[in-house]
Structures are given as C-alpha cells and as structure tokens.
Amino acid sequence: MKSGVSIDDVLAEVALMVRPQFGKGRPADYIPQLAGIDPHKFGMAVCTFSGGEHVIGDADEAFSAQSITKLFALGLALNQIGDEVWTRVGKEPSGTPFNFLSQLEYEHGVPRNPFINAGALAITDILLDTVKAPELLVRDFIGMLSGSRLEIDEAVAQSEIDTAHKNRAIANLMRGAGTITHAVEAVIAAYCRQCAITLSCRQLARAALPLAADGFSPVAEETIFPSRLTRRLNALLLTCGTYDSVGSFAYRVGLPAKSGVGGGILAVVPGQATIAVWSPELDKFGSSVVGTAALEYFSQLTNCSVL
C-alpha cells in the first residue's frame, strides 16, 4: 500500500464512494434465514501485520460467513493430510456457478477446486476422517485465529439443511464416484453448519492475517501455515475465490479474495494486511455488490493490487 496513506481516511472515502451501489443486488433469498437481512448494512475492517486495526460502519456486527469458511476448512485439511487433498479435488477455476452439477458429472465426480460447493463437500468429507463434527473444528480454528469465541447460527444452519437439494445431488454424485466416502447426510449437515458460522468483519480480517504474514498469526502468536502453503492458498484465492466472476474480480480489485453469499468478502494484501467487507446485496455470481466495489475503490486508493 502507498506509504503515508491513512487507512482510516481511505475507509471513510470508500464508504462514501460505495453509496450509489446500494440497491443493485439482493440478499441470498434462496436461504430463507438470510433473505430478511437489512440490505443496507455495510462494514469494513483492515488488519495490518504490524497490529493495526481500522474499521468503519457495521464492522463489528456478526454476519453469516458462508463460503468464506471454505478457506479455513481447506487450510485445516492441507495441514492434516498435505497434498493428498489434491487427489480428491482440483485447483482450477470452474468458470461455472458454485453449485453447477453438469461439469462435476462430466469430470467424473472430481470437483474443479475446493471453493465451489462440490470441492467444499469433498473437504468436509476429508475432515470427517478424523473428527465427528468438522464444523466445530472449523469454527474453533477461525475463533482461535481471530482471538474470539464464535458461534454457529443454528437457524441459518437448519434453513440450509432443509433447502440443500442441489448440494445433496452433488454429494450423491461424488459418493457414487468415490470422491466422498462418508454418508451424504452427514457431509451435508456438517457443511451447512460450517457455512452458518457467524463472525464480524474485524474478526474475519484478524483470522486471515496468516495469509498476509507468511503463515504467522499475530493474534495466536504462532505459525499456522508453512510459507509454501500460504503462497498456494493465496494463489487459489486469486484464481478460484470468487467463483465464475474471478476474472472480473481480479481485473477490478487485483487481490486474492474469498466471497460468501452472506455478503462478506475477505481479501489479502500479501505481506501487509487483510481486508474484510460485508454488505448483504449480491450480484448474479453470489458476491457482494457493495463489497466488491468497496474493495475496488480501496485497491485504487491505496495502490495495493498485486497485479
């Protein structure tokens, strides 16, 4: 980022710049418990490796993390079994929606990457090899990295379990192909409950700091990921983290990032900081309209793009 730039001033300017973007999307109404969220919520947090925390708006209000949790589940799986993960899931951009079924069938039940739903279900299955409740493992991992005690919103979880028809089809296809080995309902329940973890922008930015600090967590005061793994996770975020809009997102923002249909987006400035933004209205790809614009403006104002 530009030296001498006041992050607080930048956040204040970004908050003004994004105002025209409100009303251009809509919350994730296919998950009933998320449909009623105030669409005008907006929060943003920046955490630096040196310990600085800068927030604006609703940055301390908890929201549904949803697919952002896939990043932390993947980190746990890679720490657990290493590159064996890649025998079950690929590393390529999908170019298709996050719950697309036809591509998975065409490619014999092997998901393109761990951030689409099929890939995340495969990661859940891997974690089920060693723990009975992987969603609690993921929750506590994020909590440890953020220095917080996090919760699972059981109403959101049940809402997702009740409406997970497409994910059940995906899981059954992968079970038939041998990509997942546990009972489909166990995988679905764990995955939906993982997605229902709630946290704030400040907590999310804190939790992701190892990705900006060569694997070291200033919050936990320990190395979480080897530096090689940190680089690879950031590469996957850059190429796969925002589904089939990843090219457009890289063009506009230029940072490794992971979005979620709860309206949150996490972005990483390697070697410097993490940025978390939340606003519930989504574009057609499932990413926050206001959040994407906020990150684009922040990147422009601070010259922090990695591209």
Protein backbone atom coordinates (compact mmCIF):
# COMPACT_ATOMS: atom_id res chain seq x y z
CA MET A 1 0.00 0.00 0.00
CA LYS A 2 1.09 3.57 -0.54
CA SER A 3 3.30 4.82 2.25
CA GLY A 4 1.83 7.63 4.29
CA VAL A 5 -1.74 6.74 3.38
CA SER A 6 -4.18 6.99 6.29
CA ILE A 7 -6.24 3.80 6.23
CA ASP A 8 -8.96 5.45 8.32
CA ASP A 9 -9.26 8.26 5.77
CA VAL A 10 -9.38 5.73 2.93
CA LEU A 11 -12.15 3.76 4.62
CA ALA A 12 -14.16 6.95 5.14
CA GLU A 13 -13.77 7.83 1.45
CA VAL A 14 -14.69 4.28 0.37
CA ALA A 15 -17.86 4.40 2.49
CA LEU A 16 -18.93 7.49 0.57
CA MET A 17 -17.95 6.10 -2.83
CA VAL A 18 -20.00 2.90 -2.49
CA ARG A 19 -23.31 4.62 -1.70
CA PRO A 20 -24.56 4.54 -5.33
CA GLN A 21 -24.08 0.73 -5.37
CA PHE A 22 -26.81 0.02 -2.82
CA GLY A 23 -29.93 -1.43 -4.43
CA LYS A 24 -28.07 -3.05 -7.32
CA GLY A 25 -28.21 -6.57 -5.85
CA ARG A 26 -30.28 -8.58 -3.44
CA PRO A 27 -29.61 -10.79 -0.41
CA ALA A 28 -29.38 -14.59 -0.75
CA ASP A 29 -33.14 -15.18 -0.66
CA TYR A 30 -32.80 -18.86 -1.58
CA ILE A 31 -31.63 -19.35 2.02
CA PRO A 32 -34.76 -18.24 3.91
CA GLN A 33 -32.92 -17.12 7.04
CA LEU A 34 -30.70 -14.78 5.00
CA ALA A 35 -33.49 -13.24 2.95
CA GLY A 36 -34.58 -10.80 5.65
CA ILE A 37 -31.21 -9.21 6.43
CA ASP A 38 -31.14 -5.41 6.15
CA PRO A 39 -29.69 -4.90 2.65
CA HIS A 40 -28.17 -1.54 3.59
CA LYS A 41 -25.72 -2.95 6.10
CA PHE A 42 -22.09 -2.13 5.36
CA GLY A 43 -18.98 -2.83 7.37
CA MET A 44 -15.28 -2.92 6.52
CA ALA A 45 -12.18 -3.79 8.51
CA VAL A 46 -8.47 -3.67 7.72
CA CYS A 47 -5.97 -5.51 9.91
CA THR A 48 -2.27 -4.98 9.33
CA PHE A 49 0.54 -7.37 10.14
CA SER A 50 2.00 -4.73 12.45
CA GLY A 51 -1.10 -4.90 14.64
CA GLY A 52 -3.18 -2.00 13.38
CA GLU A 53 -6.96 -2.39 13.14
CA HIS A 54 -9.11 0.05 11.17
CA VAL A 55 -12.88 -0.28 10.89
CA ILE A 56 -15.91 1.57 9.58
CA GLY A 57 -19.66 1.06 9.60
CA ASP A 58 -21.04 -2.29 10.77
CA ALA A 59 -17.59 -3.89 11.04
CA ASP A 60 -18.30 -5.35 14.48
CA GLU A 61 -21.73 -6.81 13.64
CA ALA A 62 -21.76 -10.59 13.14
CA PHE A 63 -22.91 -11.96 9.78
CA SER A 64 -23.14 -15.40 8.20
CA ALA A 65 -19.69 -16.34 6.91
CA GLN A 66 -21.00 -18.95 4.45
CA SER A 67 -18.43 -19.88 1.77
CA ILE A 68 -15.64 -17.84 3.32
CA THR A 69 -15.36 -20.72 5.81
CA LYS A 70 -14.21 -22.94 2.91
CA LEU A 71 -10.81 -21.25 3.04
CA PHE A 72 -10.25 -22.21 6.66
CA ALA A 73 -11.58 -25.76 6.16
CA LEU A 74 -9.13 -26.16 3.27
CA GLY A 75 -6.27 -24.91 5.43
CA LEU A 76 -7.14 -27.49 8.08
CA ALA A 77 -7.32 -30.30 5.51
CA LEU A 78 -3.97 -29.34 3.98
CA ASN A 79 -2.36 -29.17 7.40
CA GLN A 80 -3.88 -32.57 8.14
CA ILE A 81 -3.07 -34.63 5.03
CA GLY A 82 -0.98 -32.31 2.86
CA ASP A 83 -1.00 -32.64 -0.91
CA GLU A 84 -3.14 -35.76 -0.71
CA VAL A 85 -6.04 -33.29 -0.73
CA TRP A 86 -5.38 -32.78 -4.44
CA THR A 87 -6.18 -36.41 -5.23
CA ARG A 88 -9.81 -35.60 -4.30
CA VAL A 89 -10.22 -32.07 -5.65
CA GLY A 90 -8.60 -29.93 -8.31
CA LYS A 91 -7.04 -26.46 -8.36
CA GLU A 92 -8.57 -24.95 -11.48
CA PRO A 93 -11.11 -22.13 -11.89
CA SER A 94 -14.54 -23.58 -12.57
CA GLY A 95 -15.94 -20.98 -14.96
CA THR A 96 -19.37 -22.08 -13.78
CA PRO A 97 -21.70 -21.29 -10.84
CA PHE A 98 -20.64 -22.57 -7.41
CA ASN A 99 -23.32 -25.29 -7.37
CA PHE A 100 -23.09 -26.37 -11.01
CA LEU A 101 -23.80 -30.06 -11.44
CA SER A 102 -23.17 -30.86 -15.11
CA GLN A 103 -19.45 -30.06 -15.01
CA LEU A 104 -18.99 -32.31 -11.99
CA GLU A 105 -20.70 -35.20 -13.76
CA TYR A 106 -18.69 -34.64 -16.94
CA GLU A 107 -15.46 -34.69 -14.90
CA HIS A 108 -16.34 -37.96 -13.15
CA GLY A 109 -17.17 -36.54 -9.73
CA VAL A 110 -13.87 -34.67 -9.17
CA PRO A 111 -14.53 -31.01 -8.25
CA ARG A 112 -12.62 -28.32 -10.10
CA ASN A 113 -11.46 -26.57 -6.91
CA PRO A 114 -12.11 -26.54 -3.15
CA PHE A 115 -14.11 -23.30 -3.19
CA ILE A 116 -17.08 -24.40 -5.26
CA ASN A 117 -19.68 -26.38 -3.32
CA ALA A 118 -18.58 -29.76 -4.65
CA GLY A 119 -14.99 -29.09 -3.61
CA ALA A 120 -16.03 -27.87 -0.19
CA LEU A 121 -18.11 -31.02 0.35
CA ALA A 122 -15.03 -33.09 -0.53
CA ILE A 123 -13.00 -31.13 2.05
CA THR A 124 -15.72 -31.74 4.67
CA ASP A 125 -15.52 -35.45 3.87
CA ILE A 126 -11.75 -35.38 4.40
CA LEU A 127 -12.15 -33.70 7.79
CA LEU A 128 -14.76 -36.30 8.75
CA ASP A 129 -12.00 -38.90 8.53
CA THR A 130 -10.59 -37.66 11.83
CA VAL A 131 -13.35 -35.70 13.64
CA LYS A 132 -17.06 -36.31 14.16
CA ALA A 133 -18.01 -32.65 13.89
CA PRO A 134 -15.73 -30.87 11.39
CA GLU A 135 -17.88 -27.74 11.54
CA LEU A 136 -16.86 -27.29 15.18
CA LEU A 137 -13.22 -27.80 14.22
CA VAL A 138 -13.52 -25.07 11.59
CA ARG A 139 -15.42 -22.78 13.98
CA ASP A 140 -12.81 -23.14 16.69
CA PHE A 141 -9.95 -22.73 14.22
CA ILE A 142 -11.33 -19.43 12.96
CA GLY A 143 -12.08 -18.43 16.55
CA MET A 144 -8.52 -19.14 17.63
CA LEU A 145 -7.13 -17.12 14.72
CA SER A 146 -9.44 -14.20 15.48
CA GLY A 147 -8.99 -14.32 19.24
CA SER A 148 -12.74 -14.76 19.64
CA ARG A 149 -15.34 -17.31 20.61
CA LEU A 150 -17.50 -17.81 17.54
CA GLU A 151 -20.97 -19.32 17.19
CA ILE A 152 -22.95 -21.29 14.64
CA ASP A 153 -26.33 -19.77 13.82
CA GLU A 154 -28.48 -22.87 14.20
CA ALA A 155 -31.48 -21.26 12.50
CA VAL A 156 -29.41 -20.50 9.40
CA ALA A 157 -27.87 -23.97 9.51
CA GLN A 158 -31.25 -25.67 9.63
CA SER A 159 -32.56 -23.42 6.88
CA GLU A 160 -29.66 -24.51 4.67
CA ILE A 161 -30.01 -28.19 5.56
CA ASP A 162 -33.72 -28.08 4.72
CA THR A 163 -33.10 -26.50 1.30
CA ALA A 164 -29.83 -28.28 0.34
CA HIS A 165 -31.39 -30.18 -2.56
CA LYS A 166 -28.72 -29.26 -5.11
CA ASN A 167 -25.92 -29.96 -2.65
CA ARG A 168 -27.43 -33.38 -1.92
CA ALA A 169 -27.39 -34.13 -5.64
CA ILE A 170 -23.75 -33.03 -5.83
CA ALA A 171 -22.81 -35.12 -2.79
CA ASN A 172 -24.60 -38.20 -4.09
CA LEU A 173 -22.83 -37.90 -7.43
CA MET A 174 -19.47 -37.68 -5.66
CA ARG A 175 -20.37 -40.55 -3.35
CA GLY A 176 -21.10 -42.67 -6.41
CA ALA A 177 -17.74 -41.66 -7.91
CA GLY A 178 -15.87 -42.39 -4.67
CA THR A 179 -14.79 -38.77 -4.18
CA ILE A 180 -16.54 -38.71 -0.82
CA THR A 181 -16.73 -41.74 1.45
CA HIS A 182 -18.99 -40.75 4.34
CA ALA A 183 -22.77 -40.78 4.44
CA VAL A 184 -24.21 -37.99 2.31
CA GLU A 185 -26.43 -36.62 5.07
CA ALA A 186 -23.50 -36.45 7.49
CA VAL A 187 -21.45 -34.49 4.96
CA ILE A 188 -24.34 -32.16 4.14
CA ALA A 189 -25.16 -31.46 7.78
CA ALA A 190 -21.53 -30.69 8.68
CA TYR A 191 -21.07 -28.49 5.61
CA CYS A 192 -24.27 -26.49 6.18
CA ARG A 193 -23.45 -25.95 9.83
CA GLN A 194 -19.93 -24.82 8.88
CA CYS A 195 -21.39 -22.25 6.48
CA ALA A 196 -23.61 -20.93 9.30
CA ILE A 197 -20.64 -19.79 11.40
CA THR A 198 -21.09 -16.12 12.24
CA LEU A 199 -18.39 -13.51 12.67
CA SER A 200 -17.73 -9.83 12.13
CA CYS A 201 -15.51 -8.08 9.60
CA ARG A 202 -12.97 -7.33 12.32
CA GLN A 203 -12.87 -10.98 13.42
CA LEU A 204 -12.59 -12.20 9.83
CA ALA A 205 -9.74 -9.85 8.99
CA ARG A 206 -7.89 -10.94 12.13
CA ALA A 207 -8.41 -14.62 11.35
CA ALA A 208 -6.95 -14.28 7.87
CA LEU A 209 -3.75 -12.49 8.93
CA PRO A 210 -1.57 -15.60 8.44
CA LEU A 211 -2.25 -15.29 4.70
CA ALA A 212 -0.72 -11.81 4.76
CA ALA A 213 2.12 -12.70 7.12
CA ASP A 214 3.80 -15.72 5.52
CA GLY A 215 1.75 -18.10 7.65
CA PHE A 216 2.25 -16.41 11.02
CA SER A 217 -0.73 -15.34 13.13
CA PRO A 218 -0.04 -12.22 15.20
CA VAL A 219 -3.24 -12.95 17.12
CA ALA A 220 -2.41 -16.55 18.05
CA GLU A 221 1.32 -15.71 18.15
CA GLU A 222 2.29 -18.84 16.25
CA THR A 223 2.93 -20.05 12.72
CA ILE A 224 -0.26 -21.56 11.34
CA PHE A 225 0.76 -22.43 7.78
CA PRO A 226 4.17 -23.09 6.22
CA SER A 227 5.14 -20.24 3.91
CA ARG A 228 4.83 -22.53 0.87
CA LEU A 229 1.24 -23.36 1.79
CA THR A 230 0.42 -19.70 2.42
CA ARG A 231 1.51 -18.80 -1.11
CA ARG A 232 -0.57 -21.63 -2.53
CA LEU A 233 -3.68 -20.65 -0.58
CA ASN A 234 -3.35 -17.09 -1.85
CA ALA A 235 -2.93 -18.39 -5.40
CA LEU A 236 -6.14 -20.41 -5.07
CA LEU A 237 -7.96 -17.36 -3.70
CA LEU A 238 -6.82 -15.27 -6.64
CA THR A 239 -7.82 -17.84 -9.27
CA CYS A 240 -10.86 -19.52 -7.68
CA GLY A 241 -12.10 -17.48 -4.72
CA THR A 242 -14.97 -15.62 -6.39
CA TYR A 243 -16.44 -18.42 -8.50
CA ASP A 244 -17.23 -17.64 -12.13
CA SER A 245 -16.57 -13.91 -11.69
CA VAL A 246 -12.95 -14.49 -10.67
CA GLY A 247 -11.56 -12.86 -13.81
CA SER A 248 -13.72 -9.77 -13.42
CA PHE A 249 -12.89 -9.56 -9.71
CA ALA A 250 -9.14 -9.82 -10.39
CA TYR A 251 -9.47 -7.15 -13.08
CA ARG A 252 -11.32 -4.78 -10.76
CA VAL A 253 -9.67 -5.49 -7.38
CA GLY A 254 -6.44 -7.36 -8.06
CA LEU A 255 -6.25 -9.15 -4.70
CA PRO A 256 -6.62 -12.78 -3.55
CA ALA A 257 -10.14 -12.98 -2.13
CA LYS A 258 -12.95 -15.25 -0.96
CA SER A 259 -16.60 -14.27 -1.12
CA GLY A 260 -19.65 -15.73 0.59
CA VAL A 261 -23.38 -15.46 -0.06
CA GLY A 262 -23.84 -13.95 3.40
CA GLY A 263 -22.45 -10.79 1.79
CA GLY A 264 -18.92 -11.00 3.17
CA ILE A 265 -15.69 -10.82 1.18
CA LEU A 266 -12.21 -11.43 2.56
CA ALA A 267 -9.22 -10.03 0.67
CA VAL A 268 -5.49 -10.39 1.29
CA VAL A 269 -2.67 -7.92 0.64
CA PRO A 270 0.28 -10.32 0.93
CA GLY A 271 2.97 -9.08 3.28
CA GLN A 272 0.85 -6.20 4.53
CA ALA A 273 -2.79 -6.62 5.56
CA THR A 274 -6.13 -8.33 5.32
CA ILE A 275 -9.41 -6.66 4.43
CA ALA A 276 -12.91 -7.86 5.27
CA VAL A 277 -16.06 -6.23 3.98
CA TRP A 278 -19.72 -7.07 4.47
CA SER A 279 -22.85 -5.91 2.68
CA PRO A 280 -25.68 -8.39 2.01
CA GLU A 281 -26.81 -7.50 -1.53
CA LEU A 282 -25.32 -9.98 -4.01
CA ASP A 283 -24.60 -9.88 -7.72
CA LYS A 284 -25.61 -12.72 -10.04
CA PHE A 285 -22.40 -14.58 -9.20
CA GLY A 286 -23.05 -14.64 -5.44
CA SER A 287 -20.61 -11.91 -4.36
CA SER A 288 -21.48 -8.70 -2.53
CA VAL A 289 -22.13 -5.83 -4.94
CA VAL A 290 -21.16 -3.13 -2.46
CA GLY A 291 -18.34 -5.25 -1.01
CA THR A 292 -16.73 -5.75 -4.41
CA ALA A 293 -16.99 -2.04 -5.17
CA ALA A 294 -15.52 -1.18 -1.76
CA LEU A 295 -12.51 -3.42 -2.37
CA GLU A 296 -12.06 -1.98 -5.86
CA TYR A 297 -12.02 1.57 -4.51
CA PHE A 298 -9.74 0.61 -1.61
CA SER A 299 -7.29 -1.04 -4.02
CA GLN A 300 -7.25 2.03 -6.25
CA LEU A 301 -6.83 4.50 -3.40
CA THR A 302 -4.02 2.58 -1.73
CA ASN A 303 -2.40 1.05 -4.81
CA CYS A 304 -2.38 -2.34 -3.07
CA SER A 305 -3.27 -4.55 -6.05
CA VAL A 306 -0.91 -7.48 -6.54
CA LEU A 307 -1.47 -7.41 -10.31
